[in-house]
N, C-alpha and C. Protein backbone atom coordinates (compact mmCIF):
# COMPACT_ATOMS: atom_id res chain seq x y z
N MET A 1 8.29 -68.60 -22.66
CA MET A 1 7.17 -68.64 -21.73
C MET A 1 6.53 -67.25 -21.68
N LYS A 2 5.20 -67.24 -21.77
CA LYS A 2 4.48 -65.98 -21.72
C LYS A 2 4.32 -65.55 -20.27
N LEU A 3 4.72 -64.31 -19.99
CA LEU A 3 4.63 -63.79 -18.63
C LEU A 3 3.32 -63.05 -18.44
N ASN A 4 2.46 -63.60 -17.61
CA ASN A 4 1.25 -62.89 -17.22
C ASN A 4 1.27 -62.74 -15.71
N ARG A 5 0.25 -62.12 -15.17
CA ARG A 5 0.22 -61.84 -13.73
C ARG A 5 0.26 -63.13 -12.90
N LYS A 6 -0.47 -64.15 -13.36
CA LYS A 6 -0.53 -65.42 -12.63
C LYS A 6 0.84 -66.12 -12.62
N THR A 7 1.51 -66.15 -13.79
CA THR A 7 2.83 -66.78 -13.90
C THR A 7 3.86 -66.04 -13.05
N LEU A 8 3.80 -64.71 -13.11
CA LEU A 8 4.73 -63.89 -12.33
C LEU A 8 4.53 -64.12 -10.84
N ARG A 9 3.28 -64.22 -10.42
CA ARG A 9 2.97 -64.46 -9.00
C ARG A 9 3.54 -65.80 -8.55
N LYS A 10 3.38 -66.83 -9.41
CA LYS A 10 3.91 -68.16 -9.10
C LYS A 10 5.43 -68.13 -8.94
N MET A 11 6.09 -67.40 -9.85
CA MET A 11 7.55 -67.30 -9.81
C MET A 11 8.01 -66.61 -8.52
N ILE A 12 7.31 -65.53 -8.14
CA ILE A 12 7.67 -64.79 -6.92
C ILE A 12 7.46 -65.68 -5.70
N LEU A 13 6.33 -66.39 -5.65
CA LEU A 13 6.04 -67.27 -4.52
C LEU A 13 7.06 -68.40 -4.41
N LYS A 14 7.50 -68.91 -5.56
CA LYS A 14 8.52 -69.96 -5.58
C LYS A 14 9.83 -69.45 -5.00
N GLU A 15 10.22 -68.21 -5.40
CA GLU A 15 11.45 -67.60 -4.89
C GLU A 15 11.37 -67.36 -3.39
N ILE A 16 10.21 -66.88 -2.94
CA ILE A 16 10.01 -66.62 -1.51
C ILE A 16 10.11 -67.92 -0.72
N LYS A 17 9.50 -69.00 -1.25
CA LYS A 17 9.54 -70.30 -0.59
C LYS A 17 10.98 -70.81 -0.50
N LEU A 18 11.73 -70.66 -1.60
CA LEU A 18 13.13 -71.09 -1.64
C LEU A 18 13.97 -70.31 -0.63
N MET A 19 13.73 -68.99 -0.57
CA MET A 19 14.46 -68.14 0.35
C MET A 19 14.14 -68.53 1.80
N THR A 20 12.86 -68.79 2.07
CA THR A 20 12.45 -69.16 3.42
C THR A 20 13.07 -70.49 3.83
N GLU A 21 13.09 -71.46 2.90
CA GLU A 21 13.70 -72.77 3.18
C GLU A 21 15.20 -72.63 3.44
N THR A 22 15.86 -71.74 2.68
CA THR A 22 17.29 -71.49 2.88
C THR A 22 17.53 -70.90 4.25
N GLN A 23 16.69 -69.92 4.63
CA GLN A 23 16.80 -69.29 5.94
C GLN A 23 16.63 -70.33 7.05
N LYS A 24 15.63 -71.20 6.89
CA LYS A 24 15.38 -72.24 7.90
C LYS A 24 16.56 -73.19 7.99
N SER A 25 17.17 -73.51 6.84
CA SER A 25 18.27 -74.48 6.82
C SER A 25 19.49 -73.98 7.58
N VAL A 26 19.63 -72.65 7.69
CA VAL A 26 20.76 -72.10 8.43
C VAL A 26 20.35 -71.61 9.82
N GLY A 27 19.11 -71.93 10.22
CA GLY A 27 18.65 -71.60 11.57
C GLY A 27 18.10 -70.21 11.77
N LEU A 28 17.77 -69.53 10.68
CA LEU A 28 17.21 -68.18 10.79
C LEU A 28 15.68 -68.21 10.75
N PRO A 29 15.02 -67.35 11.52
CA PRO A 29 13.56 -67.28 11.45
C PRO A 29 13.12 -66.58 10.16
N HIS A 30 11.82 -66.54 9.92
CA HIS A 30 11.30 -65.91 8.70
C HIS A 30 11.65 -64.43 8.66
N LYS A 31 11.51 -63.76 9.81
CA LYS A 31 11.85 -62.33 9.90
C LYS A 31 12.92 -62.13 10.96
N TYR A 32 13.88 -61.27 10.64
CA TYR A 32 14.97 -60.98 11.58
C TYR A 32 15.57 -59.63 11.22
N SER A 33 16.18 -58.99 12.20
CA SER A 33 16.83 -57.70 11.97
C SER A 33 18.28 -57.94 11.56
N ASN A 34 18.94 -56.90 11.09
CA ASN A 34 20.35 -57.01 10.71
C ASN A 34 21.20 -57.42 11.91
N MET A 35 20.90 -56.85 13.08
CA MET A 35 21.70 -57.17 14.26
C MET A 35 21.45 -58.60 14.74
N GLU A 36 20.24 -59.10 14.54
CA GLU A 36 19.96 -60.51 14.86
C GLU A 36 20.74 -61.43 13.92
N LEU A 37 20.86 -61.00 12.65
CA LEU A 37 21.65 -61.76 11.67
C LEU A 37 23.13 -61.75 12.05
N VAL A 38 23.62 -60.61 12.51
CA VAL A 38 25.02 -60.50 12.96
C VAL A 38 25.27 -61.46 14.11
N LYS A 39 24.38 -61.44 15.11
CA LYS A 39 24.53 -62.30 16.29
C LYS A 39 24.47 -63.78 15.90
N HIS A 40 23.52 -64.12 15.03
CA HIS A 40 23.38 -65.51 14.57
C HIS A 40 24.64 -65.97 13.85
N THR A 41 25.19 -65.10 13.00
CA THR A 41 26.39 -65.44 12.23
C THR A 41 27.60 -65.61 13.16
N MET A 42 27.72 -64.74 14.15
CA MET A 42 28.81 -64.86 15.11
C MET A 42 28.74 -66.18 15.87
N ASN A 43 27.52 -66.57 16.26
CA ASN A 43 27.33 -67.85 16.95
C ASN A 43 27.72 -69.03 16.05
N PHE A 44 27.34 -68.92 14.76
CA PHE A 44 27.67 -69.97 13.79
C PHE A 44 29.19 -70.08 13.63
N ILE A 45 29.86 -68.93 13.52
CA ILE A 45 31.32 -68.91 13.37
C ILE A 45 32.00 -69.56 14.57
N GLN A 46 31.54 -69.20 15.77
CA GLN A 46 32.12 -69.77 17.00
C GLN A 46 31.91 -71.28 17.06
N GLU A 47 30.71 -71.71 16.72
CA GLU A 47 30.38 -73.14 16.74
C GLU A 47 31.23 -73.92 15.73
N MET A 48 31.34 -73.38 14.50
CA MET A 48 32.10 -74.07 13.45
C MET A 48 33.61 -74.04 13.72
N SER A 49 34.09 -72.94 14.31
CA SER A 49 35.52 -72.85 14.65
C SER A 49 35.88 -73.88 15.71
N ALA A 50 35.00 -74.06 16.69
CA ALA A 50 35.23 -75.05 17.74
C ALA A 50 35.20 -76.47 17.17
N LYS A 51 34.37 -76.66 16.16
CA LYS A 51 34.19 -77.99 15.56
C LYS A 51 35.27 -78.33 14.53
N HIS A 52 35.63 -77.35 13.69
CA HIS A 52 36.52 -77.64 12.56
C HIS A 52 37.88 -76.94 12.62
N GLY A 53 38.04 -75.98 13.49
CA GLY A 53 39.31 -75.25 13.53
C GLY A 53 39.27 -74.04 12.62
N LYS A 54 40.36 -73.83 11.86
CA LYS A 54 40.48 -72.60 11.06
C LYS A 54 39.62 -72.59 9.81
N GLU A 55 39.26 -73.76 9.29
CA GLU A 55 38.50 -73.78 8.03
C GLU A 55 37.54 -74.97 7.99
N ILE A 56 36.30 -74.71 7.56
CA ILE A 56 35.29 -75.76 7.41
C ILE A 56 35.64 -76.58 6.17
N PRO A 57 35.69 -77.91 6.26
CA PRO A 57 36.05 -78.73 5.09
C PRO A 57 35.08 -78.51 3.92
N TYR A 58 35.64 -78.28 2.76
CA TYR A 58 34.82 -78.07 1.56
C TYR A 58 34.01 -79.33 1.25
N GLY A 59 32.74 -79.13 0.89
CA GLY A 59 31.87 -80.25 0.52
C GLY A 59 31.10 -80.85 1.69
N SER A 60 31.45 -80.46 2.91
CA SER A 60 30.74 -80.99 4.08
C SER A 60 29.40 -80.28 4.23
N PRO A 61 28.43 -80.91 4.95
CA PRO A 61 27.14 -80.25 5.19
C PRO A 61 27.31 -78.89 5.88
N ASP A 62 28.29 -78.79 6.77
CA ASP A 62 28.53 -77.52 7.45
C ASP A 62 29.02 -76.45 6.48
N TYR A 63 29.80 -76.86 5.48
CA TYR A 63 30.30 -75.92 4.47
C TYR A 63 29.13 -75.38 3.65
N GLU A 64 28.23 -76.29 3.25
CA GLU A 64 27.06 -75.88 2.46
C GLU A 64 26.19 -74.92 3.26
N LYS A 65 25.99 -75.23 4.53
CA LYS A 65 25.21 -74.37 5.42
C LYS A 65 25.88 -72.99 5.54
N GLY A 66 27.21 -73.00 5.68
CA GLY A 66 27.96 -71.75 5.78
C GLY A 66 27.86 -70.92 4.52
N GLU A 67 27.87 -71.58 3.37
CA GLU A 67 27.75 -70.86 2.09
C GLU A 67 26.40 -70.17 1.97
N PHE A 68 25.33 -70.89 2.37
CA PHE A 68 23.99 -70.31 2.36
C PHE A 68 23.94 -69.06 3.24
N LEU A 69 24.49 -69.21 4.45
CA LEU A 69 24.49 -68.10 5.40
C LEU A 69 25.32 -66.93 4.88
N LEU A 70 26.44 -67.23 4.25
CA LEU A 70 27.31 -66.18 3.69
C LEU A 70 26.57 -65.37 2.62
N THR A 71 25.79 -66.04 1.79
CA THR A 71 25.01 -65.35 0.76
C THR A 71 23.99 -64.42 1.39
N ILE A 72 23.32 -64.90 2.44
CA ILE A 72 22.32 -64.08 3.14
C ILE A 72 22.97 -62.85 3.76
N VAL A 73 24.12 -63.06 4.43
CA VAL A 73 24.82 -61.95 5.08
C VAL A 73 25.33 -60.95 4.05
N HIS A 74 25.86 -61.45 2.93
CA HIS A 74 26.37 -60.56 1.88
C HIS A 74 25.25 -59.70 1.31
N ASN A 75 24.09 -60.32 1.04
CA ASN A 75 22.94 -59.57 0.51
C ASN A 75 22.48 -58.51 1.51
N ALA A 76 22.46 -58.87 2.79
CA ALA A 76 22.06 -57.92 3.83
C ALA A 76 23.05 -56.77 3.92
N THR A 77 24.34 -57.07 3.75
CA THR A 77 25.38 -56.03 3.79
C THR A 77 25.17 -55.01 2.67
N GLN A 78 24.85 -55.51 1.48
CA GLN A 78 24.65 -54.63 0.35
C GLN A 78 23.42 -53.74 0.50
N LYS A 79 22.39 -54.27 1.21
CA LYS A 79 21.13 -53.52 1.35
C LYS A 79 21.04 -52.74 2.66
N ALA A 80 22.08 -52.79 3.47
CA ALA A 80 22.02 -52.21 4.81
C ALA A 80 21.79 -50.70 4.82
N VAL A 81 22.40 -49.99 3.88
CA VAL A 81 22.26 -48.53 3.85
C VAL A 81 21.33 -48.15 2.71
N GLN A 82 20.15 -47.65 3.06
CA GLN A 82 19.15 -47.26 2.07
C GLN A 82 18.72 -45.83 2.36
N HIS A 83 18.75 -44.99 1.34
CA HIS A 83 18.38 -43.58 1.52
C HIS A 83 17.06 -43.27 0.83
N SER A 84 16.30 -42.42 1.46
CA SER A 84 15.10 -41.89 0.84
C SER A 84 15.20 -40.37 0.96
N THR A 85 15.27 -39.68 -0.17
CA THR A 85 15.51 -38.23 -0.14
C THR A 85 14.28 -37.42 -0.54
N HIS A 86 13.21 -38.09 -0.93
CA HIS A 86 12.01 -37.32 -1.27
C HIS A 86 10.76 -38.08 -0.85
N ARG A 87 9.67 -37.34 -0.72
CA ARG A 87 8.41 -37.91 -0.27
C ARG A 87 7.50 -38.10 -1.48
N ARG A 88 6.81 -39.24 -1.50
CA ARG A 88 5.90 -39.53 -2.60
C ARG A 88 4.48 -39.64 -2.06
N GLY A 89 3.54 -39.53 -2.91
CA GLY A 89 2.15 -39.69 -2.50
C GLY A 89 1.24 -39.22 -3.62
N ASN A 90 0.07 -39.82 -3.72
CA ASN A 90 -0.86 -39.48 -4.80
C ASN A 90 -2.00 -38.62 -4.23
N LEU A 91 -1.80 -37.31 -4.25
CA LEU A 91 -2.81 -36.38 -3.73
C LEU A 91 -4.07 -36.42 -4.58
N HIS A 92 -3.89 -36.67 -5.87
CA HIS A 92 -5.04 -36.74 -6.79
C HIS A 92 -6.00 -37.86 -6.36
N ALA A 93 -5.42 -38.99 -5.87
CA ALA A 93 -6.26 -40.11 -5.44
C ALA A 93 -7.10 -39.73 -4.22
N VAL A 94 -6.59 -38.84 -3.38
CA VAL A 94 -7.35 -38.35 -2.21
C VAL A 94 -8.49 -37.47 -2.68
N MET A 95 -8.17 -36.55 -3.60
CA MET A 95 -9.17 -35.60 -4.11
C MET A 95 -10.31 -36.32 -4.82
N SER A 96 -9.98 -37.40 -5.51
CA SER A 96 -11.02 -38.14 -6.25
C SER A 96 -11.76 -39.13 -5.36
N GLY A 97 -11.28 -39.27 -4.11
CA GLY A 97 -11.97 -40.17 -3.17
C GLY A 97 -11.55 -41.62 -3.28
N ASP A 98 -10.52 -41.90 -4.07
CA ASP A 98 -10.06 -43.29 -4.23
C ASP A 98 -9.39 -43.81 -2.96
N ILE A 99 -8.69 -42.93 -2.25
CA ILE A 99 -8.06 -43.32 -0.98
C ILE A 99 -8.35 -42.25 0.07
N SER A 100 -8.26 -42.65 1.33
CA SER A 100 -8.47 -41.69 2.43
C SER A 100 -7.22 -40.86 2.65
N TYR A 101 -7.37 -39.77 3.42
CA TYR A 101 -6.21 -38.93 3.72
C TYR A 101 -5.18 -39.71 4.54
N GLU A 102 -5.68 -40.60 5.42
CA GLU A 102 -4.78 -41.43 6.25
C GLU A 102 -3.94 -42.35 5.36
N GLU A 103 -4.59 -42.92 4.32
CA GLU A 103 -3.86 -43.78 3.38
C GLU A 103 -2.84 -42.97 2.59
N TYR A 104 -3.20 -41.74 2.27
CA TYR A 104 -2.28 -40.84 1.58
C TYR A 104 -1.05 -40.55 2.45
N GLU A 105 -1.29 -40.24 3.73
CA GLU A 105 -0.20 -39.97 4.66
C GLU A 105 0.73 -41.18 4.78
N ALA A 106 0.11 -42.38 4.83
CA ALA A 106 0.89 -43.61 4.96
C ALA A 106 1.72 -43.88 3.71
N SER A 107 1.24 -43.39 2.55
CA SER A 107 1.96 -43.65 1.29
C SER A 107 3.12 -42.69 1.07
N LEU A 108 3.21 -41.64 1.89
CA LEU A 108 4.30 -40.69 1.73
C LEU A 108 5.63 -41.31 2.09
N GLY A 109 6.63 -41.01 1.34
CA GLY A 109 7.96 -41.51 1.63
C GLY A 109 8.55 -40.85 2.86
N HIS A 110 9.60 -41.45 3.40
CA HIS A 110 10.26 -40.92 4.60
C HIS A 110 11.64 -40.42 4.22
N GLU A 111 11.95 -39.20 4.62
CA GLU A 111 13.27 -38.64 4.31
C GLU A 111 14.27 -39.11 5.37
N THR A 112 15.33 -39.76 4.91
CA THR A 112 16.33 -40.33 5.83
C THR A 112 17.12 -39.23 6.54
N SER A 113 17.20 -39.33 7.86
CA SER A 113 17.95 -38.35 8.65
C SER A 113 19.42 -38.77 8.73
N PRO A 114 20.32 -37.82 9.05
CA PRO A 114 21.74 -38.16 9.21
C PRO A 114 21.96 -39.22 10.30
N GLU A 115 21.14 -39.16 11.36
CA GLU A 115 21.26 -40.14 12.45
C GLU A 115 20.90 -41.54 11.97
N GLU A 116 19.86 -41.62 11.15
CA GLU A 116 19.44 -42.92 10.61
C GLU A 116 20.51 -43.47 9.67
N THR A 117 21.10 -42.58 8.87
CA THR A 117 22.17 -43.01 7.96
C THR A 117 23.36 -43.55 8.74
N GLU A 118 23.74 -42.86 9.80
CA GLU A 118 24.86 -43.29 10.63
C GLU A 118 24.58 -44.65 11.26
N PHE A 119 23.35 -44.84 11.74
CA PHE A 119 22.96 -46.13 12.34
C PHE A 119 23.06 -47.25 11.30
N MET A 120 22.56 -46.98 10.08
CA MET A 120 22.61 -47.99 9.02
C MET A 120 24.06 -48.33 8.66
N ARG A 121 24.92 -47.32 8.67
CA ARG A 121 26.33 -47.56 8.34
C ARG A 121 27.01 -48.41 9.42
N GLN A 122 26.62 -48.19 10.67
CA GLN A 122 27.17 -48.99 11.76
C GLN A 122 26.73 -50.45 11.62
N GLU A 123 25.46 -50.63 11.29
CA GLU A 123 24.96 -52.00 11.05
C GLU A 123 25.69 -52.64 9.88
N GLN A 124 25.91 -51.87 8.82
CA GLN A 124 26.62 -52.39 7.65
C GLN A 124 28.04 -52.80 8.02
N GLY A 125 28.68 -52.01 8.88
CA GLY A 125 30.03 -52.34 9.33
C GLY A 125 30.07 -53.66 10.10
N ASP A 126 29.07 -53.88 10.97
CA ASP A 126 28.98 -55.14 11.71
C ASP A 126 28.72 -56.32 10.78
N LEU A 127 27.86 -56.10 9.78
CA LEU A 127 27.57 -57.15 8.80
C LEU A 127 28.82 -57.50 7.99
N LYS A 128 29.57 -56.49 7.59
CA LYS A 128 30.82 -56.73 6.84
C LYS A 128 31.81 -57.54 7.67
N MET A 129 31.87 -57.19 8.96
CA MET A 129 32.80 -57.88 9.85
C MET A 129 32.49 -59.38 9.91
N VAL A 130 31.21 -59.73 10.16
CA VAL A 130 30.87 -61.16 10.27
C VAL A 130 30.91 -61.85 8.91
N ARG A 131 30.58 -61.10 7.84
CA ARG A 131 30.66 -61.68 6.50
C ARG A 131 32.09 -62.08 6.18
N ASN A 132 33.03 -61.20 6.44
CA ASN A 132 34.44 -61.48 6.15
C ASN A 132 35.00 -62.60 7.02
N ALA A 133 34.54 -62.64 8.29
CA ALA A 133 34.99 -63.71 9.19
C ALA A 133 34.46 -65.06 8.73
N LEU A 134 33.20 -65.09 8.30
CA LEU A 134 32.60 -66.34 7.81
C LEU A 134 33.25 -66.76 6.50
N ALA A 135 33.50 -65.79 5.61
CA ALA A 135 34.16 -66.08 4.33
C ALA A 135 35.54 -66.68 4.57
N ASN A 136 36.25 -66.16 5.56
CA ASN A 136 37.57 -66.66 5.91
C ASN A 136 37.49 -68.11 6.39
N LEU A 137 36.46 -68.42 7.18
CA LEU A 137 36.27 -69.77 7.70
C LEU A 137 35.94 -70.77 6.59
N LEU A 138 35.37 -70.24 5.48
CA LEU A 138 35.01 -71.08 4.34
C LEU A 138 36.10 -71.09 3.26
N GLY A 139 37.17 -70.32 3.50
CA GLY A 139 38.22 -70.21 2.49
C GLY A 139 37.82 -69.35 1.32
N LEU A 140 36.83 -68.46 1.54
CA LEU A 140 36.31 -67.62 0.47
C LEU A 140 36.57 -66.14 0.73
N ASP A 141 37.52 -65.84 1.61
CA ASP A 141 37.79 -64.46 1.97
C ASP A 141 38.25 -63.62 0.78
N TRP A 142 38.86 -64.25 -0.22
CA TRP A 142 39.33 -63.54 -1.41
C TRP A 142 38.17 -62.89 -2.18
N LYS A 143 36.95 -63.40 -2.00
CA LYS A 143 35.80 -62.86 -2.72
C LYS A 143 35.40 -61.49 -2.21
N TYR A 144 35.72 -61.22 -0.95
CA TYR A 144 35.23 -59.98 -0.34
C TYR A 144 36.33 -59.02 0.08
N SER A 145 37.57 -59.38 -0.15
CA SER A 145 38.66 -58.48 0.22
C SER A 145 39.20 -57.78 -1.02
N GLY A 146 39.55 -56.52 -0.85
CA GLY A 146 40.08 -55.76 -1.98
C GLY A 146 41.54 -56.09 -2.25
N GLY A 147 42.20 -56.71 -1.29
CA GLY A 147 43.62 -57.02 -1.46
C GLY A 147 43.88 -58.49 -1.33
N GLY A 148 44.99 -58.84 -0.69
CA GLY A 148 45.31 -60.24 -0.41
C GLY A 148 45.49 -61.08 -1.65
N ARG A 149 44.77 -62.18 -1.69
CA ARG A 149 44.95 -63.15 -2.78
C ARG A 149 44.52 -62.58 -4.13
N ARG A 150 43.44 -61.78 -4.12
CA ARG A 150 42.98 -61.21 -5.38
C ARG A 150 44.06 -60.31 -5.98
N GLU A 151 44.70 -59.52 -5.11
CA GLU A 151 45.77 -58.63 -5.56
C GLU A 151 46.98 -59.44 -6.03
N ALA A 152 47.24 -60.57 -5.36
CA ALA A 152 48.36 -61.43 -5.77
C ALA A 152 48.10 -61.98 -7.17
N LEU A 153 46.85 -62.35 -7.44
CA LEU A 153 46.49 -62.87 -8.76
C LEU A 153 46.64 -61.76 -9.81
N ALA A 154 46.13 -60.56 -9.48
CA ALA A 154 46.22 -59.44 -10.42
C ALA A 154 47.67 -59.10 -10.72
N GLN A 155 48.51 -59.13 -9.68
CA GLN A 155 49.94 -58.84 -9.85
C GLN A 155 50.59 -59.87 -10.76
N ARG A 156 50.24 -61.15 -10.54
CA ARG A 156 50.81 -62.22 -11.38
C ARG A 156 50.38 -62.07 -12.83
N MET A 157 49.13 -61.65 -13.04
CA MET A 157 48.63 -61.44 -14.40
C MET A 157 49.42 -60.32 -15.08
N ARG A 158 49.71 -59.26 -14.32
CA ARG A 158 50.48 -58.15 -14.88
C ARG A 158 51.90 -58.59 -15.23
N GLU A 159 52.49 -59.45 -14.38
CA GLU A 159 53.86 -59.94 -14.63
C GLU A 159 53.91 -60.81 -15.88
N LEU A 160 52.91 -61.68 -16.04
CA LEU A 160 52.89 -62.60 -17.17
C LEU A 160 52.50 -61.92 -18.47
N ASP A 161 51.74 -60.85 -18.36
CA ASP A 161 51.26 -60.17 -19.57
C ASP A 161 51.24 -58.66 -19.34
N PRO A 162 52.39 -58.01 -19.39
CA PRO A 162 52.47 -56.57 -19.12
C PRO A 162 51.61 -55.72 -20.04
N THR A 163 51.35 -56.20 -21.27
CA THR A 163 50.56 -55.41 -22.22
C THR A 163 49.07 -55.43 -21.88
N GLY A 164 48.64 -56.46 -21.13
CA GLY A 164 47.22 -56.57 -20.78
C GLY A 164 46.37 -57.12 -21.91
N ALA A 165 47.00 -57.57 -23.01
CA ALA A 165 46.25 -58.05 -24.17
C ALA A 165 45.40 -59.26 -23.84
N ARG A 166 45.96 -60.19 -23.06
CA ARG A 166 45.22 -61.42 -22.74
C ARG A 166 43.98 -61.11 -21.89
N GLN A 167 44.16 -60.21 -20.90
CA GLN A 167 43.04 -59.88 -20.04
C GLN A 167 41.90 -59.23 -20.81
N ARG A 168 42.26 -58.46 -21.84
CA ARG A 168 41.23 -57.75 -22.63
C ARG A 168 40.53 -58.68 -23.61
N SER A 169 41.10 -59.85 -23.87
CA SER A 169 40.49 -60.79 -24.81
C SER A 169 39.25 -61.42 -24.18
N SER A 170 38.16 -61.49 -24.95
CA SER A 170 36.91 -62.07 -24.44
C SER A 170 37.05 -63.58 -24.20
N ARG A 171 38.07 -64.19 -24.80
CA ARG A 171 38.26 -65.64 -24.65
C ARG A 171 39.21 -65.99 -23.50
N PHE A 172 39.86 -65.00 -22.92
CA PHE A 172 40.84 -65.28 -21.88
C PHE A 172 40.17 -65.60 -20.55
N VAL A 173 40.52 -66.76 -19.99
CA VAL A 173 40.03 -67.18 -18.68
C VAL A 173 41.25 -67.45 -17.81
N PRO A 174 41.45 -66.72 -16.69
CA PRO A 174 42.64 -66.88 -15.87
C PRO A 174 42.93 -68.32 -15.46
N SER A 175 41.87 -69.10 -15.19
CA SER A 175 42.08 -70.48 -14.73
C SER A 175 42.66 -71.38 -15.81
N ASP A 176 42.67 -70.93 -17.07
CA ASP A 176 43.26 -71.72 -18.16
C ASP A 176 44.78 -71.70 -18.09
N ASP A 177 45.34 -70.74 -17.36
CA ASP A 177 46.78 -70.57 -17.29
C ASP A 177 47.32 -71.14 -15.98
N PRO A 178 48.17 -72.19 -16.06
CA PRO A 178 48.71 -72.80 -14.83
C PRO A 178 49.42 -71.81 -13.92
N GLU A 179 50.13 -70.84 -14.52
CA GLU A 179 50.85 -69.86 -13.73
C GLU A 179 49.89 -69.00 -12.90
N LEU A 180 48.71 -68.74 -13.45
CA LEU A 180 47.72 -67.96 -12.73
C LEU A 180 46.98 -68.82 -11.70
N ARG A 181 46.74 -70.08 -12.05
CA ARG A 181 46.05 -70.98 -11.11
C ARG A 181 46.81 -71.13 -9.80
N ARG A 182 48.13 -71.00 -9.86
CA ARG A 182 48.95 -71.12 -8.64
C ARG A 182 48.53 -70.10 -7.59
N ASN A 183 47.99 -68.96 -8.02
CA ASN A 183 47.58 -67.90 -7.10
C ASN A 183 46.08 -67.87 -6.85
N MET A 184 45.36 -68.89 -7.33
CA MET A 184 43.91 -68.92 -7.15
C MET A 184 43.55 -69.94 -6.07
N PRO A 185 42.97 -69.49 -4.95
CA PRO A 185 42.69 -70.39 -3.82
C PRO A 185 41.77 -71.55 -4.15
N GLU A 186 40.90 -71.39 -5.16
CA GLU A 186 39.98 -72.49 -5.52
C GLU A 186 40.73 -73.72 -6.01
N TYR A 187 41.98 -73.53 -6.51
CA TYR A 187 42.76 -74.63 -7.07
C TYR A 187 43.80 -75.18 -6.09
N GLN A 188 43.83 -74.63 -4.88
CA GLN A 188 44.75 -75.10 -3.85
C GLN A 188 44.08 -76.22 -3.05
N PRO A 189 44.86 -77.03 -2.30
CA PRO A 189 44.26 -78.10 -1.47
C PRO A 189 43.15 -77.55 -0.59
N GLY A 190 41.99 -78.20 -0.66
CA GLY A 190 40.83 -77.75 0.10
C GLY A 190 39.91 -76.87 -0.72
N GLY A 191 40.39 -76.34 -1.86
CA GLY A 191 39.57 -75.50 -2.73
C GLY A 191 38.59 -76.33 -3.53
N ARG A 192 37.55 -75.70 -4.00
CA ARG A 192 36.49 -76.46 -4.70
C ARG A 192 36.95 -77.07 -6.02
N PHE A 193 37.99 -76.49 -6.67
CA PHE A 193 38.46 -77.04 -7.94
C PHE A 193 39.82 -77.73 -7.80
N TYR A 194 40.17 -78.09 -6.57
CA TYR A 194 41.48 -78.73 -6.34
C TYR A 194 41.57 -80.06 -7.08
N ASP A 195 42.67 -80.24 -7.81
CA ASP A 195 42.94 -81.48 -8.53
C ASP A 195 44.39 -81.85 -8.24
N PRO A 196 44.63 -82.95 -7.52
CA PRO A 196 46.01 -83.31 -7.19
C PRO A 196 46.88 -83.55 -8.41
N ASP A 197 46.26 -83.86 -9.57
CA ASP A 197 47.02 -84.09 -10.80
C ASP A 197 47.30 -82.82 -11.58
N ASP A 198 46.81 -81.68 -11.11
CA ASP A 198 47.07 -80.42 -11.79
C ASP A 198 48.57 -80.15 -11.77
N PRO A 199 49.16 -79.79 -12.90
CA PRO A 199 50.62 -79.52 -12.97
C PRO A 199 51.10 -78.49 -11.97
N ILE A 200 50.22 -77.62 -11.47
CA ILE A 200 50.67 -76.58 -10.54
C ILE A 200 51.12 -77.16 -9.21
N HIS A 201 50.77 -78.44 -8.93
CA HIS A 201 51.14 -79.06 -7.66
C HIS A 201 52.39 -79.91 -7.79
N ASN A 202 53.00 -79.96 -8.97
CA ASN A 202 54.21 -80.75 -9.19
C ASN A 202 55.45 -79.93 -8.86
């Protein structure tokens, strides 16, 4: 497909529409702050915990809604801390009369202060907290934790293959090995790839 300005604009508009629909599906407005997202996620967690207990059943409409929300929260967590260390602006455009001095001032970048950085880090911490709590409710906490089940899987891989040769092979997939699947939550009851006939459950 040839990419021109019109095609690119259509693609961007389609993505924006999809994102807006996803936001609406989880009860978020078009625009919201990080702290509004934190509050919304906490309310969702409380509501789902009261309804389902410790874990939302996989495949249910609530699970799908939770997954959408988890993606939004994770993306917000990654973008929460943004630094700007230099100022930009096109002074030449002012001199040539292409833009006004006010437009030039508005185009200048903003240098992030230590106080702003600290505030962003606090917001990021709150976002991480609700992200991990929601992931836990969906049985997806292993995706965002540095230890726990992921470490158990890594340890089992080291035990089964001390040389690391299998892990370095481009064809090696951990889920192909029953011994490794035993430590993968996706293959346990309630996981998305759970199969009662899998030998790991015998």
